[in-house]
Amino acid sequence: MILDKLNSCMMEKGFRKIKVNVENICVYFKDMEQEIYLLTVYEASTGQEFTQEQFRYIQSQIYNNFNKPDKIVHFLTIIYTDNMEKVREMSGMDSNVWYLDNRNKRLIIYENHRDEFLGLQKEIDNILYGTTPDNEASGDKENYYHDVRRGHSGRGEEYTQYQYNQERTYERRTKGNGSIFTVTNLLILINGLVFFIMEIRGSTHDLYYMLDKGALYWPAMEFSHEYYRFFTYMFLHFGIDHLVNNMLVLFFIGDKLEKIVGKAKYLCIYFISGLLAGMASLGYNMVKNNYVVSAGASGAIFGVVGAMAFIVLINKGRIKDISSRQMVVFVLLSLYGGLTSQGIDNAAHIGGLLSGAILAAVLYRMHKRKFERG
């Protein structure tokens, strides 16, 4: 049977098999030094074994059990079926899915879906055909997944309607430019829209205008209890330069952190760091009796930087496109720039940086304990 051979193949490749409480599902994983390869195999002969909602829930639960801030998770799902139409409805637009079409004895990988997983394509070809097929020797058993992925003429044409170009739901590292629909891009868009609206209605260089619109000011919070300012101040900026500088850092560092920790944890780090940075600023200025108006996303962004620094350091610098030295230099230069400039809320920057690093450490420890409990 194909699935038995696939099971033997995964064992030979050094994967471990995990028992799950759901019938017709097998989970395999291989824990490497900096990466985890995670494979889920569904046996869905009729395509009606799971609803789309059940499939998404199971996928997210499996992924979250292996999601670690210090490792890259490569997640792939294989669905074994006799009914391609039904399983396509079940799996939706998940780009980390391959299909084993038992009826026609072929592996189907659609365009923009992950196309590499430790050489598993060739292994499956060998299972299906007895040897790795090629266009000359295989006859009817041609290398089918190349037709579907690349849109060649022939048998692949009937499936071109299913070619999707969307964000990978569970894969933390994308190829090429990736999807534009990220939390980081959404935050940048919101900050830009808020600034645009603020500029239309007034001047973002006017302290009283900014104070009226929700900037951080400790007397307003101590005497008027306007605690909403802990949230609103993160979306206000003093001029276009302030906005652009913050959004550039968020784009480059935030995008990397989001791919590593996932959207939910990324949002937690961002907003909690922003909140704690605001508290640090408030406390410092109250103690110093400084009547200053503060605004900007830099506290939250420094939290993102702090979290990224923790992850890079715990990985001993082995994160793609960024090293420990680069991260340390970036942090030091950012802090130095703030300390040597006027009108910079350094308390918020330092508070955000420390908050982000601590939050990343806490999330890492929580996940580690959960993973060790099984």
Protein backbone atom coordinates (compact mmCIF):
# COMPACT_ATOMS: atom_id res chain seq x y z
CA MET A 1 0.00 0.00 0.00
CA ILE A 2 1.23 3.50 -0.85
CA LEU A 3 0.83 4.87 2.67
CA ASP A 4 2.72 1.94 4.18
CA LYS A 5 5.59 2.58 1.81
CA LEU A 6 5.47 6.29 2.63
CA ASN A 7 5.63 5.45 6.33
CA SER A 8 8.71 3.26 5.76
CA CYS A 9 10.27 6.04 3.70
CA MET A 10 9.83 8.60 6.49
CA MET A 11 11.33 6.22 9.05
CA GLU A 12 14.35 5.67 6.79
CA LYS A 13 14.78 9.44 6.46
CA GLY A 14 15.08 9.73 10.24
CA PHE A 15 11.60 11.04 11.01
CA ARG A 16 9.75 10.16 14.20
CA LYS A 17 6.09 9.20 14.10
CA ILE A 18 3.62 10.65 16.59
CA LYS A 19 0.35 9.06 17.57
CA VAL A 20 -2.62 11.39 17.37
CA ASN A 21 -6.15 10.91 18.63
CA VAL A 22 -7.73 11.61 15.24
CA GLU A 23 -8.28 8.71 12.89
CA ASN A 24 -6.76 8.75 9.40
CA ILE A 25 -3.98 11.17 10.37
CA CYS A 26 -0.27 10.47 10.88
CA VAL A 27 2.28 13.05 12.01
CA TYR A 28 6.01 12.77 11.37
CA PHE A 29 8.73 15.16 12.49
CA LYS A 30 12.48 15.52 12.26
CA ASP A 31 14.09 17.86 14.78
CA MET A 32 17.31 19.28 13.37
CA GLU A 33 19.66 21.80 14.95
CA GLN A 34 17.97 24.95 13.71
CA GLU A 35 14.94 23.54 11.92
CA ILE A 36 12.01 21.21 12.37
CA TYR A 37 10.58 19.32 9.41
CA LEU A 38 6.96 18.48 10.09
CA LEU A 39 4.84 16.23 7.87
CA THR A 40 1.14 15.48 8.35
CA VAL A 41 -0.45 12.71 6.27
CA TYR A 42 -4.23 12.54 5.87
CA GLU A 43 -5.99 9.46 4.53
CA ALA A 44 -9.10 10.96 2.97
CA SER A 45 -10.32 8.45 0.41
CA THR A 46 -13.71 10.06 -0.15
CA GLY A 47 -12.69 13.62 0.66
CA GLN A 48 -15.55 13.88 3.14
CA GLU A 49 -13.68 12.67 6.22
CA PHE A 50 -13.05 16.25 7.38
CA THR A 51 -14.74 19.59 6.82
CA GLN A 52 -12.66 22.58 5.82
CA GLU A 53 -13.04 24.02 9.33
CA GLN A 54 -11.91 20.76 10.93
CA PHE A 55 -8.95 20.57 8.57
CA ARG A 56 -7.83 24.12 9.40
CA TYR A 57 -8.22 23.53 13.12
CA ILE A 58 -6.22 20.29 13.05
CA GLN A 59 -3.51 21.94 10.96
CA SER A 60 -3.18 24.87 13.34
CA GLN A 61 -3.09 22.63 16.41
CA ILE A 62 -0.37 20.43 14.96
CA TYR A 63 1.69 23.41 13.83
CA ASN A 64 1.36 25.25 17.15
CA ASN A 65 2.64 22.21 19.04
CA PHE A 66 5.92 22.48 17.15
CA ASN A 67 6.18 26.24 16.76
CA LYS A 68 9.33 27.38 18.56
CA PRO A 69 10.82 30.88 18.46
CA ASP A 70 14.34 29.45 18.17
CA LYS A 71 13.66 27.12 15.23
CA ILE A 72 12.30 27.33 11.72
CA VAL A 73 9.36 25.02 11.09
CA HIS A 74 8.98 23.52 7.61
CA PHE A 75 5.40 22.27 7.51
CA LEU A 76 4.02 20.01 4.78
CA THR A 77 0.75 18.11 4.50
CA ILE A 78 0.09 15.19 2.16
CA ILE A 79 -3.52 14.18 1.49
CA TYR A 80 -4.05 10.67 0.13
CA THR A 81 -7.35 10.45 -1.72
CA ASP A 82 -9.52 8.93 -4.43
CA ASN A 83 -11.53 12.14 -4.80
CA MET A 84 -9.42 15.14 -5.77
CA GLU A 85 -12.35 17.50 -6.14
CA LYS A 86 -13.56 16.95 -2.58
CA VAL A 87 -10.14 17.19 -0.90
CA ARG A 88 -9.44 20.43 -2.75
CA GLU A 89 -12.57 21.85 -1.12
CA MET A 90 -11.46 20.46 2.23
CA SER A 91 -7.94 21.89 2.13
CA GLY A 92 -8.95 25.27 0.74
CA MET A 93 -6.00 27.43 -0.32
CA ASP A 94 -3.38 25.97 2.02
CA SER A 95 -0.18 26.21 0.00
CA ASN A 96 1.64 23.64 2.13
CA VAL A 97 -0.39 20.71 0.77
CA TRP A 98 0.54 17.98 -1.70
CA TYR A 99 -2.01 15.51 -3.02
CA LEU A 100 -1.52 11.78 -3.56
CA ASP A 101 -4.14 10.89 -6.16
CA ASN A 102 -4.58 7.17 -5.54
CA ARG A 103 -7.05 6.72 -8.39
CA ASN A 104 -4.55 7.89 -11.01
CA LYS A 105 -1.39 7.02 -9.04
CA ARG A 106 0.18 10.45 -9.20
CA LEU A 107 1.55 13.18 -6.97
CA ILE A 108 -0.04 16.59 -7.50
CA ILE A 109 1.66 19.82 -6.45
CA TYR A 110 -0.05 23.01 -7.53
CA GLU A 111 1.64 26.21 -8.60
CA ASN A 112 2.81 28.40 -5.68
CA HIS A 113 2.66 25.46 -3.29
CA ARG A 114 5.80 24.39 -1.46
CA ASP A 115 7.80 22.23 -3.83
CA GLU A 116 10.67 20.94 -1.71
CA PHE A 117 10.76 18.87 1.46
CA LEU A 118 14.06 17.03 1.96
CA GLY A 119 13.82 15.38 -1.44
CA LEU A 120 10.46 13.78 -0.69
CA GLN A 121 9.15 14.32 -4.24
CA LYS A 122 11.62 11.83 -5.68
CA GLU A 123 10.91 9.36 -2.88
CA ILE A 124 7.19 9.47 -3.63
CA ASP A 125 7.85 9.07 -7.34
CA ASN A 126 9.84 5.97 -6.52
CA ILE A 127 6.94 4.65 -4.44
CA LEU A 128 4.42 5.32 -7.20
CA TYR A 129 6.41 4.22 -10.21
CA GLY A 130 9.17 2.00 -8.85
CA THR A 131 11.77 4.52 -10.03
CA THR A 132 12.04 8.27 -10.45
CA PRO A 133 10.19 8.94 -13.71
CA ASP A 134 11.35 11.10 -16.54
CA ASN A 135 9.57 12.29 -19.65
CA GLU A 136 11.22 9.78 -21.94
CA ALA A 137 11.07 6.56 -19.95
CA SER A 138 7.91 6.81 -17.92
CA GLY A 139 5.25 6.78 -20.64
CA ASP A 140 1.86 7.56 -19.08
CA LYS A 141 3.52 7.89 -15.70
CA GLU A 142 5.28 11.13 -16.61
CA ASN A 143 6.55 13.51 -13.96
CA TYR A 144 3.08 14.86 -13.33
CA TYR A 145 3.79 17.43 -10.67
CA HIS A 146 5.98 19.46 -13.04
CA ASP A 147 3.00 19.82 -15.42
CA VAL A 148 0.73 21.15 -12.71
CA ARG A 149 3.18 23.50 -11.03
CA ARG A 150 4.58 25.11 -14.15
CA GLY A 151 1.42 25.17 -16.25
CA HIS A 152 2.82 23.02 -19.08
CA SER A 153 0.46 21.73 -21.72
CA GLY A 154 -0.92 18.22 -21.39
CA ARG A 155 -2.54 16.63 -18.39
CA GLY A 156 -1.72 19.55 -16.11
CA GLU A 157 -4.09 21.93 -17.89
CA GLU A 158 -7.24 20.57 -16.27
CA TYR A 159 -5.98 21.73 -12.87
CA THR A 160 -4.88 25.28 -13.72
CA GLN A 161 -8.11 26.64 -12.21
CA TYR A 162 -6.77 25.62 -8.81
CA GLN A 163 -3.58 27.65 -9.04
CA TYR A 164 -3.50 30.07 -6.13
CA ASN A 165 -1.15 32.83 -5.14
CA GLN A 166 -1.79 33.46 -1.47
CA GLU A 167 -0.05 33.77 1.87
CA ARG A 168 1.23 30.51 3.31
CA THR A 169 -0.86 29.91 6.37
CA TYR A 170 1.45 27.66 8.33
CA GLU A 171 4.88 28.04 6.69
CA ARG A 172 7.03 30.54 8.52
CA ARG A 173 9.55 31.08 5.76
CA THR A 174 8.35 32.13 2.33
CA LYS A 175 10.10 32.04 -1.00
CA GLY A 176 10.53 35.09 -3.16
CA ASN A 177 8.71 38.19 -2.03
CA GLY A 178 6.01 36.29 -0.14
CA SER A 179 2.53 37.57 0.47
CA ILE A 180 1.78 41.25 1.00
CA PHE A 181 -1.02 40.37 3.42
CA THR A 182 1.05 40.36 6.60
CA VAL A 183 0.48 41.84 10.03
CA THR A 184 3.57 44.00 9.54
CA ASN A 185 2.21 45.50 6.34
CA LEU A 186 -1.17 46.01 7.99
CA LEU A 187 0.45 47.92 10.87
CA ILE A 188 2.38 50.06 8.41
CA LEU A 189 -0.82 50.77 6.48
CA ILE A 190 -2.73 51.75 9.63
CA ASN A 191 0.06 54.05 10.81
CA GLY A 192 0.21 55.65 7.38
CA LEU A 193 -3.55 56.18 7.21
CA VAL A 194 -3.67 57.67 10.70
CA PHE A 195 -0.86 60.07 9.82
CA PHE A 196 -2.56 61.06 6.56
CA ILE A 197 -5.85 61.80 8.33
CA MET A 198 -4.05 63.69 11.09
CA GLU A 199 -2.21 65.87 8.56
CA ILE A 200 -5.44 66.69 6.73
CA ARG A 201 -7.10 67.87 9.94
CA GLY A 202 -4.16 69.66 11.51
CA SER A 203 -0.39 69.66 11.99
CA THR A 204 1.39 66.66 13.47
CA HIS A 205 4.14 69.04 14.61
CA ASP A 206 1.66 70.85 16.89
CA LEU A 207 2.05 69.50 20.46
CA TYR A 208 -1.41 70.63 21.54
CA TYR A 209 -3.02 69.05 18.49
CA MET A 210 -1.17 65.78 19.13
CA LEU A 211 -2.10 65.90 22.80
CA ASP A 212 -5.74 66.38 21.90
CA LYS A 213 -5.64 63.36 19.56
CA GLY A 214 -4.23 60.89 22.08
CA ALA A 215 -0.49 61.39 22.57
CA LEU A 216 1.12 60.23 25.81
CA TYR A 217 1.14 62.86 28.59
CA TRP A 218 1.38 61.81 32.20
CA PRO A 219 -0.69 64.62 33.80
CA ALA A 220 -3.63 63.71 31.52
CA MET A 221 -3.39 60.13 32.74
CA GLU A 222 -2.78 60.83 36.40
CA PHE A 223 -5.46 63.48 36.85
CA SER A 224 -7.95 62.71 34.07
CA HIS A 225 -7.40 58.94 33.96
CA GLU A 226 -7.11 58.93 30.17
CA TYR A 227 -5.52 55.48 30.01
CA TYR A 228 -6.55 54.99 26.39
CA ARG A 229 -3.44 57.04 25.57
CA PHE A 230 -1.32 53.94 26.24
CA PHE A 231 -2.81 52.58 23.02
CA THR A 232 -3.43 55.65 20.86
CA TYR A 233 0.07 57.11 21.26
CA MET A 234 1.49 54.16 19.29
CA PHE A 235 -0.26 55.31 16.10
CA LEU A 236 0.65 59.01 16.23
CA HIS A 237 3.84 60.49 14.75
CA PHE A 238 5.47 63.91 14.83
CA GLY A 239 5.92 64.61 11.12
CA ILE A 240 6.64 62.50 8.08
CA ASP A 241 10.30 61.84 8.99
CA HIS A 242 9.27 60.33 12.32
CA LEU A 243 6.74 58.09 10.58
CA VAL A 244 9.04 56.95 7.75
CA ASN A 245 11.95 56.12 10.05
CA ASN A 246 9.75 53.99 12.29
CA MET A 247 8.00 52.21 9.43
CA LEU A 248 11.28 51.33 7.71
CA VAL A 249 12.55 49.60 10.83
CA LEU A 250 9.20 47.87 11.31
CA PHE A 251 9.18 46.68 7.70
CA PHE A 252 12.62 45.06 7.79
CA ILE A 253 12.75 43.72 11.36
CA GLY A 254 9.03 43.15 11.93
CA ASP A 255 8.62 41.13 8.75
CA LYS A 256 11.37 38.72 9.83
CA LEU A 257 9.98 38.35 13.36
CA GLU A 258 6.44 37.73 12.09
CA LYS A 259 7.64 34.89 9.86
CA ILE A 260 9.48 33.27 12.76
CA VAL A 261 6.98 33.52 15.62
CA GLY A 262 3.68 33.73 13.73
CA LYS A 263 1.03 36.44 13.58
CA ALA A 264 -0.57 36.01 17.02
CA LYS A 265 2.67 36.04 19.01
CA TYR A 266 4.00 38.85 16.86
CA LEU A 267 0.97 41.01 17.67
CA CYS A 268 1.33 40.21 21.37
CA ILE A 269 4.98 41.25 21.32
CA TYR A 270 4.21 44.43 19.40
CA PHE A 271 1.32 45.75 21.47
CA ILE A 272 2.48 44.58 24.90
CA SER A 273 5.92 46.08 24.24
CA GLY A 274 4.24 49.31 23.15
CA LEU A 275 2.15 49.34 26.32
CA LEU A 276 5.14 48.67 28.59
CA ALA A 277 7.24 51.21 26.70
CA GLY A 278 4.53 53.78 27.34
CA MET A 279 4.53 52.91 31.03
CA ALA A 280 8.31 53.24 31.16
CA SER A 281 8.09 56.66 29.52
CA LEU A 282 5.27 57.73 31.82
CA GLY A 283 7.08 56.59 34.96
CA TYR A 284 10.38 58.21 33.98
CA ASN A 285 8.83 61.56 33.13
CA MET A 286 6.73 61.57 36.30
CA VAL A 287 9.80 60.94 38.44
CA LYS A 288 11.80 63.58 36.58
CA ASN A 289 8.81 65.94 36.58
CA ASN A 290 9.15 66.34 32.81
CA TYR A 291 6.02 67.70 31.16
CA VAL A 292 6.61 66.15 27.75
CA VAL A 293 4.21 64.91 25.10
CA SER A 294 5.25 61.55 23.60
CA ALA A 295 3.99 59.72 20.53
CA GLY A 296 5.13 57.15 18.01
CA ALA A 297 5.36 53.44 17.34
CA SER A 298 9.04 53.31 18.31
CA GLY A 299 8.36 51.77 21.73
CA ALA A 300 6.48 48.87 20.14
CA ILE A 301 9.05 48.64 17.35
CA PHE A 302 11.91 48.49 19.84
CA GLY A 303 9.98 45.61 21.41
CA VAL A 304 10.05 43.86 18.03
CA VAL A 305 13.78 44.56 17.82
CA GLY A 306 14.33 43.19 21.34
CA ALA A 307 12.41 40.01 20.54
CA MET A 308 14.35 39.55 17.32
CA ALA A 309 17.63 40.10 19.16
CA PHE A 310 16.72 37.40 21.68
CA ILE A 311 15.86 34.92 18.92
CA VAL A 312 19.03 35.67 16.97
CA LEU A 313 21.20 35.31 20.06
CA ILE A 314 19.55 32.08 21.25
CA ASN A 315 20.14 30.69 17.76
CA LYS A 316 23.79 31.76 17.99
CA GLY A 317 23.37 34.05 15.03
CA ARG A 318 22.17 31.37 12.65
CA ILE A 319 19.06 33.12 11.36
CA LYS A 320 18.79 33.66 7.63
CA ASP A 321 19.91 37.13 6.46
CA ILE A 322 20.80 38.36 9.96
CA SER A 323 23.63 37.60 12.38
CA SER A 324 24.20 38.23 16.08
CA ARG A 325 26.79 40.87 15.28
CA GLN A 326 24.46 42.71 12.92
CA MET A 327 21.66 42.64 15.47
CA VAL A 328 23.85 43.88 18.33
CA VAL A 329 25.30 46.67 16.19
CA PHE A 330 21.81 47.71 15.07
CA VAL A 331 20.52 47.83 18.66
CA LEU A 332 23.53 49.80 19.91
CA LEU A 333 23.38 52.29 17.05
CA SER A 334 19.63 52.77 17.56
CA LEU A 335 20.07 53.43 21.27
CA TYR A 336 23.09 55.67 20.67
CA GLY A 337 21.18 57.69 18.09
CA GLY A 338 18.39 58.27 20.59
CA LEU A 339 20.67 59.15 23.49
CA THR A 340 22.64 61.69 21.46
CA SER A 341 19.61 63.38 19.90
CA GLN A 342 17.16 65.87 21.32
CA GLY A 343 13.43 65.25 21.58
CA ILE A 344 13.76 61.45 21.74
CA ASP A 345 11.85 59.41 24.33
CA ASN A 346 14.70 57.11 25.30
CA ALA A 347 12.78 55.69 28.26
CA ALA A 348 10.19 54.32 25.84
CA HIS A 349 12.88 52.94 23.54
CA ILE A 350 14.74 51.14 26.32
CA GLY A 351 11.50 49.99 27.94
CA GLY A 352 10.25 48.60 24.64
CA LEU A 353 13.55 46.88 23.86
CA LEU A 354 13.69 45.11 27.22
CA SER A 355 9.99 44.25 27.08
CA GLY A 356 10.32 42.62 23.67
CA ALA A 357 13.32 40.55 24.72
CA ILE A 358 11.59 39.40 27.91
CA LEU A 359 8.35 38.58 26.08
CA ALA A 360 10.24 36.51 23.51
CA ALA A 361 12.00 34.64 26.32
CA VAL A 362 8.71 33.98 28.12
CA LEU A 363 7.00 32.73 24.96
CA TYR A 364 9.99 30.51 24.25
CA ARG A 365 9.92 28.98 27.75
CA MET A 366 6.17 28.46 27.63
CA HIS A 367 6.37 26.68 24.31
CA LYS A 368 9.34 24.60 25.44
CA ARG A 369 7.45 23.32 28.50
CA LYS A 370 4.38 22.59 26.37
CA PHE A 371 6.50 20.71 23.84
CA GLU A 372 8.24 18.66 26.56
CA ARG A 373 4.85 17.61 28.00
CA GLY A 374 3.98 16.25 24.57
